Amino acid sequence: MATRNASQGILAEDRTEQRTQIIRMLKKAYWMEMETVMSYVANSINPDGVRAQEIVESLSADVQEELGHAQQFAHRIKELYGVVPGSQEFNAEQTYLQPPDHQTDTVHVIKGVIEAETKAIEHYNAIIEATDGIDPVTNDVMIGILHDEESHRRLFEGYLREYEAEGLA
């Protein structure tokens, strides 16, 4: 049975270059989420102190959400005829999400989460722009995930404002 390309849309043969660019952007998003999962696991376990408990609980819950985002990106990469990368292609970049030297430094964790969410929001907006009018399926997926990331950043900005108001940040 012969494979037949779509005659229009992002799966059309004449859209190969655009599809390749979108796959590249989705792979970056995939790795961003996978790295965030690793850091959120560490930062949901390491912090000590009464004040850290809410941050720990929030990050523990977010691990599954971020992993779900990575899985959505992986599925979309495959749907676009790309190959989901394996671990040997991973390069860590999120220095700001590394666990702090002191396990009571909750502000470090909060600021790292805000930075990670900000970078994700910036990249996801770039994907939304790149897929607008070209790949409505990826565009729609990205808009939904962008909403999650904006909501998460807003939550952690609130945590930071509370620490700042109390002179702890």
Protein backbone atom coordinates (compact mmCIF):
# COMPACT_ATOMS: atom_id res chain seq x y z
CA MET A 1 0.00 0.00 0.00
CA ALA A 2 1.47 3.34 -1.04
CA THR A 3 1.67 6.24 1.36
CA ARG A 4 -0.22 9.28 0.20
CA ASN A 5 0.65 12.77 1.38
CA ALA A 6 -2.07 15.26 2.07
CA SER A 7 -2.67 17.66 -0.80
CA GLN A 8 -2.94 20.65 1.50
CA GLY A 9 -2.11 21.72 5.02
CA ILE A 10 1.04 21.12 7.03
CA LEU A 11 1.24 17.46 5.92
CA ALA A 12 1.37 18.39 2.22
CA GLU A 13 4.61 17.62 0.42
CA ASP A 14 5.18 21.25 -0.49
CA ARG A 15 5.12 22.13 3.24
CA THR A 16 8.06 19.88 4.16
CA GLU A 17 10.35 22.80 5.08
CA GLN A 18 7.71 24.43 7.31
CA ARG A 19 6.89 21.08 8.90
CA THR A 20 10.59 20.47 9.62
CA GLN A 21 10.84 23.88 11.31
CA ILE A 22 7.77 23.18 13.46
CA ILE A 23 9.14 19.77 14.45
CA ARG A 24 12.42 21.42 15.49
CA MET A 25 10.51 23.90 17.66
CA LEU A 26 8.39 21.12 19.15
CA LYS A 27 11.49 19.11 20.01
CA LYS A 28 12.88 22.09 21.89
CA ALA A 29 9.56 22.44 23.74
CA TYR A 30 9.64 18.70 24.50
CA TRP A 31 13.10 18.96 26.05
CA MET A 32 12.14 22.09 28.01
CA GLU A 33 9.26 20.18 29.59
CA MET A 34 11.33 17.06 30.28
CA GLU A 35 14.04 19.11 31.97
CA THR A 36 11.41 20.98 33.97
CA VAL A 37 10.00 17.64 35.16
CA MET A 38 13.43 16.61 36.47
CA SER A 39 13.93 19.93 38.26
CA TYR A 40 10.41 20.02 39.67
CA VAL A 41 10.89 16.54 41.12
CA ALA A 42 14.08 17.67 42.87
CA ASN A 43 12.56 20.99 43.99
CA SER A 44 9.43 19.26 45.26
CA ILE A 45 11.49 17.05 47.57
CA ASN A 46 14.54 19.05 48.67
CA PRO A 47 13.04 22.17 50.36
CA ASP A 48 12.80 22.24 54.13
CA GLY A 49 10.72 24.36 56.46
CA VAL A 50 7.11 25.20 57.17
CA ARG A 51 7.03 27.95 54.54
CA ALA A 52 8.26 25.56 51.85
CA GLN A 53 5.34 23.16 52.18
CA GLU A 54 2.98 24.96 49.77
CA ILE A 55 5.74 25.26 47.16
CA VAL A 56 6.56 21.56 47.53
CA GLU A 57 2.91 20.57 47.09
CA SER A 58 2.46 22.83 44.08
CA LEU A 59 5.57 21.50 42.33
CA SER A 60 4.62 17.89 43.12
CA ALA A 61 1.30 18.40 41.36
CA ASP A 62 2.93 20.23 38.46
CA VAL A 63 5.28 17.34 37.68
CA GLN A 64 2.40 15.41 36.12
CA GLU A 65 1.14 18.44 34.20
CA GLU A 66 4.57 19.18 32.74
CA LEU A 67 5.08 15.51 31.84
CA GLY A 68 1.70 15.62 30.11
CA HIS A 69 2.86 18.61 28.07
CA ALA A 70 5.99 16.71 27.02
CA GLN A 71 3.82 13.78 25.95
CA GLN A 72 1.57 16.09 23.92
CA PHE A 73 4.63 17.49 22.15
CA ALA A 74 5.94 13.98 21.51
CA HIS A 75 2.65 12.89 19.95
CA ARG A 76 2.54 15.98 17.75
CA ILE A 77 6.13 15.45 16.62
CA LYS A 78 5.22 11.94 15.50
CA GLU A 79 1.98 13.10 13.81
CA LEU A 80 4.09 15.53 11.77
CA TYR A 81 6.30 12.60 10.67
CA GLY A 82 9.12 13.51 13.03
CA VAL A 83 10.93 11.22 15.45
CA VAL A 84 10.63 11.82 19.17
CA PRO A 85 14.21 12.20 20.44
CA GLY A 86 15.85 9.84 22.91
CA SER A 87 17.84 10.75 25.99
CA GLN A 88 21.18 11.03 24.18
CA GLU A 89 19.90 14.16 22.46
CA PHE A 90 19.22 15.89 25.80
CA ASN A 91 21.28 18.92 26.83
CA ALA A 92 20.47 20.53 30.18
CA GLU A 93 19.94 24.31 30.03
CA GLN A 94 17.87 25.29 33.07
CA THR A 95 20.58 26.51 35.46
CA TYR A 96 17.99 28.67 37.24
CA LEU A 97 15.99 25.60 38.33
CA GLN A 98 18.86 23.81 40.01
CA PRO A 99 18.26 23.09 43.70
CA PRO A 100 19.61 25.82 45.98
CA ASP A 101 22.64 25.33 48.23
CA HIS A 102 20.42 25.72 51.30
CA GLN A 103 17.26 23.64 51.45
CA THR A 104 15.42 26.49 53.21
CA ASP A 105 16.02 28.88 50.28
CA THR A 106 12.47 28.70 48.99
CA VAL A 107 12.81 32.06 47.21
CA HIS A 108 15.48 30.55 44.94
CA VAL A 109 13.05 27.80 43.96
CA ILE A 110 10.20 30.28 43.35
CA LYS A 111 12.37 32.51 41.15
CA GLY A 112 13.60 29.46 39.22
CA VAL A 113 10.05 28.35 38.51
CA ILE A 114 9.10 31.84 37.33
CA GLU A 115 12.11 31.89 34.99
CA ALA A 116 11.30 28.42 33.61
CA GLU A 117 7.68 29.35 33.00
CA THR A 118 8.69 32.65 31.38
CA LYS A 119 11.05 30.89 28.96
CA ALA A 120 8.37 28.31 28.13
CA ILE A 121 5.82 31.07 27.52
CA GLU A 122 8.22 32.87 25.19
CA HIS A 123 9.00 29.71 23.21
CA TYR A 124 5.37 28.62 23.02
CA ASN A 125 4.33 32.05 21.76
CA ALA A 126 6.98 31.70 19.04
CA ILE A 127 5.48 28.32 18.05
CA ILE A 128 2.00 29.84 18.01
CA GLU A 129 3.26 32.59 15.69
CA ALA A 130 5.07 30.07 13.47
CA THR A 131 2.01 27.83 13.14
CA ASP A 132 -0.64 30.54 12.75
CA GLY A 133 -2.46 29.93 9.48
CA ILE A 134 -0.09 27.05 8.64
CA ASP A 135 -0.68 24.29 11.19
CA PRO A 136 -3.93 24.80 13.10
CA VAL A 137 -3.60 21.56 15.08
CA THR A 138 -0.20 22.43 16.56
CA ASN A 139 -1.40 25.99 17.05
CA ASP A 140 -4.38 24.78 19.06
CA VAL A 141 -2.25 22.42 21.18
CA MET A 142 0.17 25.24 21.92
CA ILE A 143 -2.56 27.67 22.95
CA GLY A 144 -3.87 25.20 25.51
CA ILE A 145 -0.43 24.52 26.95
CA LEU A 146 0.39 28.24 26.95
CA HIS A 147 -2.65 28.79 29.17
CA ASP A 148 -1.31 26.24 31.67
CA GLU A 149 2.13 27.86 31.73
CA GLU A 150 0.75 31.39 32.18
CA SER A 151 -1.43 30.21 35.05
CA HIS A 152 1.49 28.46 36.72
CA ARG A 153 3.76 31.50 36.38
CA ARG A 154 1.06 33.72 37.86
CA LEU A 155 0.74 31.41 40.87
CA PHE A 156 4.47 31.54 41.58
CA GLU A 157 4.59 35.30 41.07
CA GLY A 158 2.02 35.46 43.88
CA TYR A 159 4.26 33.35 46.10
CA LEU A 160 7.17 35.69 45.37
CA ARG A 161 5.09 38.80 46.12
CA GLU A 162 4.18 37.31 49.49
CA TYR A 163 7.85 36.71 50.35
CA GLU A 164 8.73 40.23 49.16
CA ALA A 165 5.95 41.78 51.27
CA GLU A 166 7.35 40.04 54.32
CA GLY A 167 10.91 41.15 53.53
CA LEU A 168 12.07 37.60 52.82
CA ALA A 169 12.98 38.09 49.16
